[in-house]
Amino acid sequence: MAGARLGAVLTPRAVDFPRWYQEVLEKAQLADHGPVRGTMVVRPYGYALWERMQAEVDSRIKRAGAENVYLPLFIPEGHLRREAEHVEGFDPELAVVTHAGGKPLTEPIVVRPTSETLFGELMARWIQSHRDLPLLLNQWANVVRWELRPRIFLRTSEFLWQEGHTAHATAEEAARYARTIHLDVYRDFLRSVLALPVLVGVKTARERFAGAVDTLTCEAMMGDGKALQCATSHELGQNFARAFDMTFTDAGGVHRHCWTTSWGCSTRMVGALIMGHGDDDGLVVPPRLAPVQVVVLPVRADDAVLGTARELVEAMGRAGIRARLDDSTERGFGRRATDWELKGVPLRIDVGPRDLGSGELPVARRDTGERLRVPVAELPRRLPALLEDVQAGLLAGAEAARAGRTVDTRSVDEAREAARTGFARIPWRVLGEDGERALAGDAISVRCLQTADGRIPDDVSGDDVLAVVGRSY
């Protein structure tokens, strides 16, 4: 168990969770602060995690039928002003360019905070008839939102993300596609790859995306009981279509406005990984996500030891396992093992002369600290099942932790008290907008509205609709 681990020198989470988070960023070599306040530098290991996330999400987006494009970083300020509610929601976060080429600009340029308005302009140009619909687009890009209280991966002035934008012939089709993205892309990825059991539901009017008629959200509980919004999907109605005259001619020759959606997730998911699974020894990375699933550590620079270690890594590669050999034996074994523990690699195999003599090698699980002894010849065959066991264990552990910190309540006061340490569920008809405002005064928000059995509600006025409330990042 945990006592068998070598242990990393980190502030315990229970003592100071924010400090623990910052230490993990530094000691696991994930990210650093950029030269401009609020920006971040993503280091190679942190970026490898993001690349794996990006690949998994991108493949799901493409299975949903969307195609990738790239749009400019700069948006004329006038474009944003054409959808008043949208720009009002982003106004405090905008970075605006007023000079370029040594001269004042005739029209200020906004550095992309999101691309609804630019997509609206271009999609209106590209759509003519019902044969052009649905138009399903996605881009991977950076965005800038001037952040007053930055935290790396959680809230930074520049971050990486994907944003999808679609246009449809009917409201029903748009709503159906937004749910497809939300459930088959975001929830599936977060649950099956990141091993995070997210709550899915709709945002209240107070929490809804600026300019949307409905916002779907995936909410995860972090290790300190707070919520983190991991992904959102927005039904935009015809708001942007009307603002940008995005119309099509239907089969009967009638001109109609499109119905649009937008949806996105970002490098915030790296923060979700850290805080959702990390422990007092550092990161814990689910095997399906891990850039390195198994690290092999020769105990010393012995020819037989190094030869066996190299052969083992090659055999695991042939078996489809992402394995890494750390043969930097000039560094002490304990230091190397601790460094990989900090990075959260799911399995570690130690190779020493005595182990070779016995014909078995010790395999250490990062999630439980358990050490198994496996015959050398059987390792490539047995490790895939062991990795899947680690994956399932992380999901089960996260589900149990969330269940242990979620309380059903019947009053605003009960919900306020429960939200101090986790989530509270309260009937939406009991809480209502007045109760939501009251909780907001204590920095408690409604994370989502969902049915009693955890589904996205079709009608939030139903008696079975619950508000999930909590403190958030």
Protein backbone atom coordinates (compact mmCIF):
# COMPACT_ATOMS: atom_id res chain seq x y z
CA MET A 1 0.00 0.00 0.00
CA ALA A 2 1.03 3.66 0.27
CA GLY A 3 3.59 2.87 2.93
CA ALA A 4 5.51 0.74 0.44
CA ARG A 5 6.12 3.72 -1.82
CA LEU A 6 9.35 5.63 -1.86
CA GLY A 7 7.43 8.85 -1.36
CA ALA A 8 7.88 12.34 -2.79
CA VAL A 9 8.45 15.49 -0.82
CA LEU A 10 5.12 17.24 -1.36
CA THR A 11 2.86 19.22 0.91
CA PRO A 12 0.02 16.84 1.90
CA ARG A 13 -3.23 17.64 0.12
CA ALA A 14 -5.14 17.77 3.38
CA VAL A 15 -2.76 20.45 4.70
CA ASP A 16 -2.75 22.82 1.72
CA PHE A 17 -4.39 21.62 -1.49
CA PRO A 18 -3.49 24.67 -3.65
CA ARG A 19 0.15 24.46 -2.58
CA TRP A 20 0.20 20.71 -3.27
CA TYR A 21 -1.14 21.45 -6.77
CA GLN A 22 1.60 23.99 -7.48
CA GLU A 23 4.28 21.60 -6.24
CA VAL A 24 3.01 18.82 -8.51
CA LEU A 25 3.18 21.18 -11.50
CA GLU A 26 6.80 21.96 -10.67
CA LYS A 27 8.16 18.62 -9.48
CA ALA A 28 6.41 16.48 -12.10
CA GLN A 29 7.73 18.97 -14.69
CA LEU A 30 4.30 19.71 -16.17
CA ALA A 31 4.30 23.48 -16.65
CA ASP A 32 5.86 26.79 -15.67
CA HIS A 33 4.79 30.43 -15.62
CA GLY A 34 5.18 32.44 -18.82
CA PRO A 35 6.87 35.85 -18.99
CA VAL A 36 3.51 37.67 -19.18
CA ARG A 37 1.33 37.45 -16.09
CA GLY A 38 -1.35 34.81 -16.46
CA THR A 39 0.36 32.85 -19.24
CA MET A 40 1.84 29.36 -18.97
CA VAL A 41 4.62 27.33 -20.50
CA VAL A 42 3.62 23.69 -20.96
CA ARG A 43 6.66 21.47 -20.49
CA PRO A 44 7.27 18.26 -22.52
CA TYR A 45 5.61 15.83 -20.08
CA GLY A 46 2.62 18.14 -19.59
CA TYR A 47 2.31 18.55 -23.33
CA ALA A 48 2.53 14.79 -23.86
CA LEU A 49 -0.51 14.44 -21.59
CA TRP A 50 -2.34 17.13 -23.59
CA GLU A 51 -1.40 15.45 -26.90
CA ARG A 52 -2.92 12.18 -25.70
CA MET A 53 -6.08 14.02 -24.61
CA GLN A 54 -6.22 15.87 -27.91
CA ALA A 55 -5.87 12.67 -29.95
CA GLU A 56 -8.60 10.86 -28.01
CA VAL A 57 -11.06 13.76 -28.19
CA ASP A 58 -10.26 14.49 -31.83
CA SER A 59 -10.98 10.90 -32.90
CA ARG A 60 -14.36 11.05 -31.17
CA ILE A 61 -15.20 14.41 -32.76
CA LYS A 62 -14.44 13.00 -36.20
CA ARG A 63 -16.61 9.94 -35.50
CA ALA A 64 -19.42 12.41 -34.76
CA GLY A 65 -18.98 13.77 -38.28
CA ALA A 66 -17.19 17.10 -37.69
CA GLU A 67 -14.19 18.21 -39.75
CA ASN A 68 -11.21 20.25 -38.56
CA VAL A 69 -10.51 23.78 -39.81
CA TYR A 70 -8.40 26.69 -38.62
CA LEU A 71 -9.62 30.28 -38.27
CA PRO A 72 -7.60 33.46 -37.56
CA LEU A 73 -6.43 34.51 -34.12
CA PHE A 74 -7.53 38.11 -34.74
CA ILE A 75 -11.20 39.13 -34.90
CA PRO A 76 -12.44 42.61 -35.87
CA GLU A 77 -14.05 44.17 -32.82
CA GLY A 78 -17.15 44.92 -34.88
CA HIS A 79 -17.77 41.21 -35.36
CA LEU A 80 -18.10 40.70 -31.60
CA ARG A 81 -20.40 43.71 -31.24
CA ARG A 82 -22.89 42.14 -33.64
CA GLU A 83 -24.06 39.70 -30.94
CA ALA A 84 -24.61 41.99 -27.95
CA GLU A 85 -25.19 39.40 -25.22
CA HIS A 86 -22.14 37.44 -26.32
CA VAL A 87 -19.72 40.38 -26.24
CA GLU A 88 -21.16 41.60 -22.96
CA GLY A 89 -20.34 38.24 -21.39
CA PHE A 90 -16.73 38.39 -22.59
CA ASP A 91 -16.04 42.14 -22.33
CA PRO A 92 -14.02 42.02 -19.06
CA GLU A 93 -11.75 39.28 -20.46
CA LEU A 94 -10.95 40.75 -23.89
CA ALA A 95 -7.42 41.54 -25.05
CA VAL A 96 -7.61 44.20 -27.76
CA VAL A 97 -4.96 45.24 -30.30
CA THR A 98 -5.10 48.97 -31.07
CA HIS A 99 -1.74 49.44 -32.84
CA ALA A 100 0.05 47.39 -35.51
CA GLY A 101 2.93 48.15 -37.85
CA GLY A 102 3.75 51.21 -35.76
CA LYS A 103 0.38 52.86 -36.48
CA PRO A 104 -3.04 53.06 -34.79
CA LEU A 105 -5.61 50.72 -36.30
CA THR A 106 -8.78 52.17 -37.77
CA GLU A 107 -10.73 49.37 -36.08
CA PRO A 108 -9.46 47.61 -32.95
CA ILE A 109 -8.76 43.88 -33.27
CA VAL A 110 -9.75 41.43 -30.55
CA VAL A 111 -7.42 38.52 -29.80
CA ARG A 112 -9.64 35.44 -30.07
CA PRO A 113 -11.48 34.71 -26.77
CA THR A 114 -13.73 32.22 -28.61
CA SER A 115 -14.81 32.08 -32.24
CA GLU A 116 -18.62 32.09 -32.38
CA THR A 117 -18.71 35.42 -34.19
CA LEU A 118 -16.00 34.57 -36.72
CA PHE A 119 -17.54 31.18 -37.44
CA GLY A 120 -20.89 32.94 -37.78
CA GLU A 121 -19.49 35.29 -40.41
CA LEU A 122 -17.83 32.50 -42.41
CA MET A 123 -20.57 29.91 -42.12
CA ALA A 124 -23.08 32.48 -43.36
CA ARG A 125 -20.85 32.82 -46.43
CA TRP A 126 -20.52 29.07 -46.97
CA ILE A 127 -24.17 28.05 -46.46
CA GLN A 128 -26.63 28.61 -49.30
CA SER A 129 -29.16 25.81 -49.31
CA HIS A 130 -30.40 22.91 -47.21
CA ARG A 131 -27.92 20.74 -49.12
CA ASP A 132 -25.09 22.52 -47.28
CA LEU A 133 -26.48 21.40 -43.92
CA PRO A 134 -25.55 20.24 -41.44
CA LEU A 135 -22.20 22.03 -41.46
CA LEU A 136 -20.05 20.46 -38.73
CA LEU A 137 -16.72 22.16 -38.02
CA ASN A 138 -14.08 22.04 -35.29
CA GLN A 139 -10.78 23.78 -34.66
CA TRP A 140 -7.87 23.17 -32.30
CA ALA A 141 -6.42 26.53 -31.32
CA ASN A 142 -5.31 28.88 -28.57
CA VAL A 143 -7.56 31.54 -27.06
CA VAL A 144 -6.93 34.58 -24.88
CA ARG A 145 -9.13 35.62 -21.97
CA TRP A 146 -7.48 38.13 -19.67
CA GLU A 147 -7.50 36.36 -16.32
CA LEU A 148 -7.31 38.33 -13.07
CA ARG A 149 -6.66 35.31 -10.83
CA PRO A 150 -4.59 32.90 -12.94
CA ARG A 151 -3.83 29.28 -12.02
CA ILE A 152 -1.89 27.09 -14.43
CA PHE A 153 -4.14 24.74 -16.44
CA LEU A 154 -7.24 26.00 -14.60
CA ARG A 155 -7.47 29.69 -15.49
CA THR A 156 -4.77 31.29 -17.61
CA SER A 157 -4.85 34.28 -19.93
CA GLU A 158 -3.92 32.05 -22.85
CA PHE A 159 -4.81 28.39 -23.10
CA LEU A 160 -5.23 25.62 -25.66
CA TRP A 161 -8.56 24.09 -26.59
CA GLN A 162 -10.86 22.79 -29.26
CA GLU A 163 -14.02 24.59 -30.24
CA GLY A 164 -16.68 23.06 -32.44
CA HIS A 165 -19.29 25.05 -34.36
CA THR A 166 -22.21 23.61 -36.28
CA ALA A 167 -25.21 24.81 -38.27
CA HIS A 168 -28.44 22.83 -38.71
CA ALA A 169 -31.78 23.11 -40.46
CA THR A 170 -33.92 22.61 -37.33
CA ALA A 171 -33.77 23.27 -33.61
CA GLU A 172 -34.31 19.58 -32.90
CA GLU A 173 -31.35 18.56 -35.04
CA ALA A 174 -29.08 21.14 -33.39
CA ALA A 175 -30.13 20.04 -29.89
CA ARG A 176 -29.61 16.39 -30.78
CA TYR A 177 -26.12 17.05 -32.12
CA ALA A 178 -25.12 19.09 -29.05
CA ARG A 179 -26.12 16.12 -26.88
CA THR A 180 -24.25 13.69 -29.11
CA ILE A 181 -21.06 15.71 -28.68
CA HIS A 182 -21.63 16.05 -24.98
CA LEU A 183 -22.29 12.39 -24.27
CA ASP A 184 -20.40 10.49 -26.99
CA VAL A 185 -17.34 12.77 -27.08
CA TYR A 186 -16.87 14.57 -23.77
CA ARG A 187 -18.49 12.28 -21.22
CA ASP A 188 -17.15 9.16 -22.91
CA PHE A 189 -13.60 10.52 -23.03
CA LEU A 190 -13.64 11.83 -19.46
CA ARG A 191 -15.04 8.58 -18.11
CA SER A 192 -13.38 5.91 -20.26
CA VAL A 193 -9.94 7.53 -20.73
CA LEU A 194 -9.48 10.05 -17.92
CA ALA A 195 -11.35 7.77 -15.46
CA LEU A 196 -13.32 10.75 -14.16
CA PRO A 197 -17.02 10.03 -13.47
CA VAL A 198 -18.47 13.40 -14.50
CA LEU A 199 -21.97 14.64 -13.81
CA VAL A 200 -23.82 15.72 -16.95
CA GLY A 201 -26.63 18.26 -16.95
CA VAL A 202 -27.70 21.72 -18.03
CA LYS A 203 -26.59 25.07 -16.68
CA THR A 204 -29.04 27.49 -15.12
CA ALA A 205 -29.78 30.80 -16.82
CA ARG A 206 -27.32 32.45 -14.43
CA GLU A 207 -24.47 30.08 -15.41
CA ARG A 208 -25.29 29.73 -19.11
CA PHE A 209 -22.78 30.64 -21.84
CA ALA A 210 -23.24 34.20 -23.10
CA GLY A 211 -25.54 34.15 -26.13
CA ALA A 212 -26.69 30.54 -25.68
CA VAL A 213 -30.24 29.33 -25.14
CA ASP A 214 -29.00 26.23 -23.34
CA THR A 215 -25.62 25.00 -22.04
CA LEU A 216 -24.75 21.38 -21.26
CA THR A 217 -21.88 20.72 -18.89
CA CYS A 218 -19.62 17.93 -17.59
CA GLU A 219 -18.75 18.51 -13.92
CA ALA A 220 -16.08 16.52 -12.07
CA MET A 221 -15.31 16.44 -8.36
CA MET A 222 -11.69 17.15 -7.47
CA GLY A 223 -9.71 15.67 -4.59
CA ASP A 224 -10.68 18.51 -2.24
CA GLY A 225 -14.40 18.18 -2.94
CA LYS A 226 -14.65 21.18 -5.27
CA ALA A 227 -16.16 21.03 -8.76
CA LEU A 228 -14.33 21.57 -12.02
CA GLN A 229 -16.21 22.24 -15.26
CA CYS A 230 -14.45 20.00 -17.80
CA ALA A 231 -16.39 20.55 -21.02
CA THR A 232 -19.46 22.41 -22.27
CA SER A 233 -21.81 22.21 -25.24
CA HIS A 234 -24.08 25.10 -26.19
CA GLU A 235 -27.32 25.29 -28.10
CA LEU A 236 -27.19 28.79 -29.58
CA GLY A 237 -30.69 28.80 -31.07
CA GLN A 238 -30.82 31.31 -33.92
CA ASN A 239 -29.08 34.13 -32.03
CA PHE A 240 -25.83 34.02 -34.01
CA ALA A 241 -27.59 33.03 -37.23
CA ARG A 242 -29.71 36.18 -37.05
CA ALA A 243 -26.76 38.37 -36.08
CA PHE A 244 -24.74 37.15 -39.08
CA ASP A 245 -27.63 36.48 -41.48
CA MET A 246 -26.81 32.77 -41.63
CA THR A 247 -29.66 31.50 -43.81
CA PHE A 248 -30.44 28.61 -46.13
CA THR A 249 -33.06 27.86 -48.74
CA ASP A 250 -35.15 24.86 -47.70
CA ALA A 251 -36.50 22.18 -50.03
CA GLY A 252 -39.55 24.35 -50.69
CA GLY A 253 -37.46 27.39 -51.68
CA VAL A 254 -38.13 29.31 -48.43
CA HIS A 255 -35.25 31.23 -46.81
CA ARG A 256 -34.75 30.25 -43.17
CA HIS A 257 -32.21 31.01 -40.44
CA CYS A 258 -29.96 28.18 -39.30
CA TRP A 259 -29.86 26.75 -35.79
CA THR A 260 -26.33 26.59 -34.41
CA THR A 261 -24.26 24.97 -31.68
CA SER A 262 -20.80 25.43 -30.21
CA TRP A 263 -18.85 23.19 -27.83
CA GLY A 264 -15.38 22.95 -26.33
CA CYS A 265 -12.86 21.50 -23.90
CA SER A 266 -9.39 22.76 -23.03
CA THR A 267 -6.08 22.24 -21.25
CA ARG A 268 -8.17 22.61 -18.08
CA MET A 269 -8.55 18.84 -18.41
CA VAL A 270 -4.88 18.50 -17.44
CA GLY A 271 -5.81 20.27 -14.21
CA ALA A 272 -8.73 17.85 -13.82
CA LEU A 273 -6.33 14.93 -14.16
CA ILE A 274 -3.97 16.32 -11.52
CA MET A 275 -6.64 17.21 -8.96
CA GLY A 276 -8.99 14.33 -9.73
CA HIS A 277 -6.52 11.46 -9.29
CA GLY A 278 -3.38 12.92 -7.71
CA ASP A 279 -2.29 11.84 -4.23
CA ASP A 280 0.30 13.00 -1.71
CA ASP A 281 3.06 11.45 -3.84
CA GLY A 282 2.16 13.33 -7.04
CA LEU A 283 0.31 12.52 -10.24
CA VAL A 284 -1.63 9.31 -10.84
CA VAL A 285 -2.20 8.89 -14.58
CA PRO A 286 -4.83 6.45 -15.95
CA PRO A 287 -3.16 3.88 -18.24
CA ARG A 288 -5.35 4.66 -21.27
CA LEU A 289 -4.10 8.26 -21.15
CA ALA A 290 -0.54 7.74 -19.97
CA PRO A 291 2.21 8.70 -22.47
CA VAL A 292 4.34 6.17 -20.59
CA GLN A 293 2.34 3.23 -19.28
CA VAL A 294 5.30 1.23 -17.92
CA VAL A 295 8.72 2.48 -16.93
CA VAL A 296 11.59 -0.01 -16.60
CA LEU A 297 14.33 0.90 -14.09
CA PRO A 298 17.62 -1.03 -14.10
CA VAL A 299 18.91 -0.96 -10.54
CA ARG A 300 22.53 -0.58 -11.67
CA ALA A 301 24.75 -0.46 -14.76
CA ASP A 302 25.23 -4.20 -15.13
CA ASP A 303 25.41 -5.70 -18.64
CA ALA A 304 22.94 -8.49 -17.88
CA VAL A 305 20.57 -6.09 -16.12
CA LEU A 306 20.66 -3.48 -18.90
CA GLY A 307 20.32 -6.13 -21.60
CA THR A 308 17.25 -7.66 -19.99
CA ALA A 309 15.71 -4.22 -19.42
CA ARG A 310 16.14 -3.27 -23.09
CA GLU A 311 14.72 -6.57 -24.31
CA LEU A 312 11.74 -6.14 -22.00
CA VAL A 313 10.96 -2.64 -23.29
CA GLU A 314 11.17 -3.88 -26.89
CA ALA A 315 8.86 -6.81 -26.12
CA MET A 316 6.32 -4.50 -24.48
CA GLY A 317 6.43 -2.21 -27.50
CA ARG A 318 5.60 -5.17 -29.76
CA ALA A 319 2.67 -5.94 -27.44
CA GLY A 320 1.30 -2.40 -27.89
CA ILE A 321 2.39 -1.12 -24.47
CA ARG A 322 3.86 2.38 -24.22
CA ALA A 323 7.06 1.56 -22.29
CA ARG A 324 10.11 3.64 -21.40
CA LEU A 325 13.60 2.55 -20.31
CA ASP A 326 15.24 4.81 -17.73
CA ASP A 327 18.86 3.69 -17.85
CA SER A 328 20.31 6.83 -16.25
CA THR A 329 21.99 4.67 -13.64
CA GLU A 330 24.42 7.46 -12.76
CA ARG A 331 21.49 8.81 -10.73
CA GLY A 332 20.48 6.93 -7.62
CA PHE A 333 17.72 4.33 -8.01
CA GLY A 334 15.59 5.94 -5.29
CA ARG A 335 15.69 9.33 -6.97
CA ARG A 336 14.73 7.88 -10.34
CA ALA A 337 11.87 5.86 -8.88
CA THR A 338 10.54 8.88 -7.01
CA ASP A 339 10.66 11.03 -10.15
CA TRP A 340 8.54 8.53 -12.07
CA GLU A 341 6.19 8.23 -9.12
CA LEU A 342 5.73 12.01 -9.23
CA LYS A 343 4.83 11.73 -12.93
CA GLY A 344 2.18 9.14 -12.13
CA VAL A 345 3.32 6.39 -14.52
CA PRO A 346 0.89 3.48 -13.91
CA LEU A 347 3.45 0.65 -13.57
CA ARG A 348 7.15 0.49 -12.72
CA ILE A 349 9.34 -2.59 -13.25
CA ASP A 350 12.61 -2.77 -11.34
CA VAL A 351 15.38 -4.90 -12.81
CA GLY A 352 18.22 -6.01 -10.52
CA PRO A 353 20.72 -8.91 -10.45
CA ARG A 354 18.89 -10.77 -7.68
CA ASP A 355 15.56 -10.39 -9.52
CA LEU A 356 17.10 -11.86 -12.66
CA GLY A 357 18.43 -14.74 -10.62
CA SER A 358 14.93 -15.58 -9.40
CA GLY A 359 13.41 -15.28 -12.89
CA GLU A 360 10.79 -12.83 -11.59
CA LEU A 361 10.65 -9.03 -11.61
CA PRO A 362 8.78 -6.74 -9.20
CA VAL A 363 6.00 -4.64 -10.75
CA ALA A 364 4.89 -1.65 -8.67
CA ARG A 365 1.39 -0.21 -9.17
CA ARG A 366 1.26 3.58 -8.90
CA ASP A 367 -2.41 3.65 -7.88
CA THR A 368 -2.18 1.33 -4.85
CA GLY A 369 1.56 0.99 -4.20
CA GLU A 370 1.16 -2.79 -4.42
CA ARG A 371 4.23 -4.73 -5.64
CA LEU A 372 3.67 -7.90 -7.66
CA ARG A 373 6.28 -10.41 -8.75
CA VAL A 374 5.82 -11.65 -12.31
CA PRO A 375 7.95 -14.12 -14.28
CA VAL A 376 10.03 -12.22 -16.85
CA ALA A 377 8.73 -14.23 -19.79
CA GLU A 378 5.10 -13.54 -18.83
CA LEU A 379 5.36 -9.76 -18.43
CA PRO A 380 4.37 -8.66 -21.97
CA ARG A 381 1.35 -10.99 -21.84
CA ARG A 382 0.15 -10.11 -18.34
CA LEU A 383 0.73 -6.35 -18.27
CA PRO A 384 -2.20 -5.30 -20.55
CA ALA A 385 -4.72 -6.86 -18.15
CA LEU A 386 -2.94 -5.29 -15.20
CA LEU A 387 -3.08 -1.87 -16.86
CA GLU A 388 -6.82 -2.28 -17.44
CA ASP A 389 -7.21 -3.23 -13.78
CA VAL A 390 -5.47 0.01 -12.78
CA GLN A 391 -7.76 1.95 -15.14
CA ALA A 392 -10.91 0.39 -13.68
CA GLY A 393 -9.66 0.91 -10.14
CA LEU A 394 -9.11 4.63 -10.68
CA LEU A 395 -12.64 5.09 -12.03
CA ALA A 396 -14.15 3.08 -9.17
CA GLY A 397 -12.12 5.03 -6.63
CA ALA A 398 -13.22 8.37 -8.10
CA GLU A 399 -16.86 7.25 -8.08
CA ALA A 400 -16.61 6.16 -4.46
CA ALA A 401 -14.92 9.41 -3.43
CA ARG A 402 -17.63 11.49 -5.10
CA ALA A 403 -20.43 9.40 -3.60
CA GLY A 404 -18.89 9.84 -0.15
CA ARG A 405 -18.95 13.63 -0.55
CA THR A 406 -22.39 14.03 -2.10
CA VAL A 407 -25.38 14.74 0.14
CA ASP A 408 -29.11 14.90 -0.68
CA THR A 409 -30.63 17.98 0.95
CA ARG A 410 -34.10 19.52 1.28
CA SER A 411 -33.34 23.15 2.09
CA VAL A 412 -31.00 25.96 1.05
CA ASP A 413 -29.32 25.92 4.47
CA GLU A 414 -28.68 22.18 4.26
CA ALA A 415 -27.26 22.57 0.76
CA ARG A 416 -25.00 25.41 1.91
CA GLU A 417 -23.58 23.28 4.72
CA ALA A 418 -23.05 20.18 2.53
CA ALA A 419 -21.31 22.24 -0.17
CA ARG A 420 -18.53 23.13 2.27
CA THR A 421 -16.96 19.71 1.72
CA GLY A 422 -18.47 18.40 -1.51
CA PHE A 423 -21.64 18.39 -3.59
CA ALA A 424 -25.19 18.91 -2.43
CA ARG A 425 -28.23 17.80 -4.39
CA ILE A 426 -31.42 19.72 -3.86
CA PRO A 427 -34.69 19.76 -5.83
CA TRP A 428 -34.56 22.67 -8.28
CA ARG A 429 -38.15 23.60 -7.43
CA VAL A 430 -37.00 24.02 -3.81
CA LEU A 431 -33.83 25.96 -4.60
CA GLY A 432 -35.00 28.07 -7.54
CA GLU A 433 -33.36 31.28 -8.72
CA ASP A 434 -33.76 32.94 -5.31
CA GLY A 435 -31.90 30.12 -3.58
CA GLU A 436 -29.26 30.15 -6.30
CA ARG A 437 -28.61 33.85 -5.65
CA ALA A 438 -28.43 33.22 -1.90
CA LEU A 439 -25.83 30.47 -2.33
CA ALA A 440 -23.80 32.62 -4.73
CA GLY A 441 -23.16 35.02 -1.84
CA ASP A 442 -21.22 32.19 -0.18
CA ALA A 443 -19.27 31.34 -3.37
CA ILE A 444 -21.47 28.28 -3.98
CA SER A 445 -22.89 27.78 -7.46
CA VAL A 446 -25.28 25.45 -9.22
CA ARG A 447 -22.96 23.20 -11.19
CA CYS A 448 -25.77 21.64 -13.21
CA LEU A 449 -29.41 20.60 -13.29
CA GLN A 450 -30.05 16.92 -13.91
CA THR A 451 -32.76 14.34 -13.38
CA ALA A 452 -32.77 12.23 -10.24
CA ASP A 453 -31.23 9.34 -12.19
CA GLY A 454 -28.40 11.51 -13.55
CA ARG A 455 -29.68 12.30 -17.05
CA ILE A 456 -29.84 15.63 -18.90
CA PRO A 457 -33.40 16.92 -18.34
CA ASP A 458 -35.60 17.80 -21.29
CA ASP A 459 -37.60 20.18 -19.09
CA VAL A 460 -36.00 21.75 -16.00
CA SER A 461 -39.42 22.46 -14.46
CA GLY A 462 -40.03 18.77 -13.80
CA ASP A 463 -40.44 17.54 -10.22
CA ASP A 464 -37.55 15.09 -10.63
CA VAL A 465 -35.00 17.76 -11.55
CA LEU A 466 -32.18 18.22 -9.03
CA ALA A 467 -29.69 21.06 -8.71
CA VAL A 468 -26.14 19.91 -7.95
CA VAL A 469 -24.42 22.68 -6.03
CA GLY A 470 -20.88 23.10 -4.79
CA ARG A 471 -17.80 25.26 -4.67
CA SER A 472 -15.78 25.33 -7.84
CA TYR A 473 -12.52 26.26 -9.52
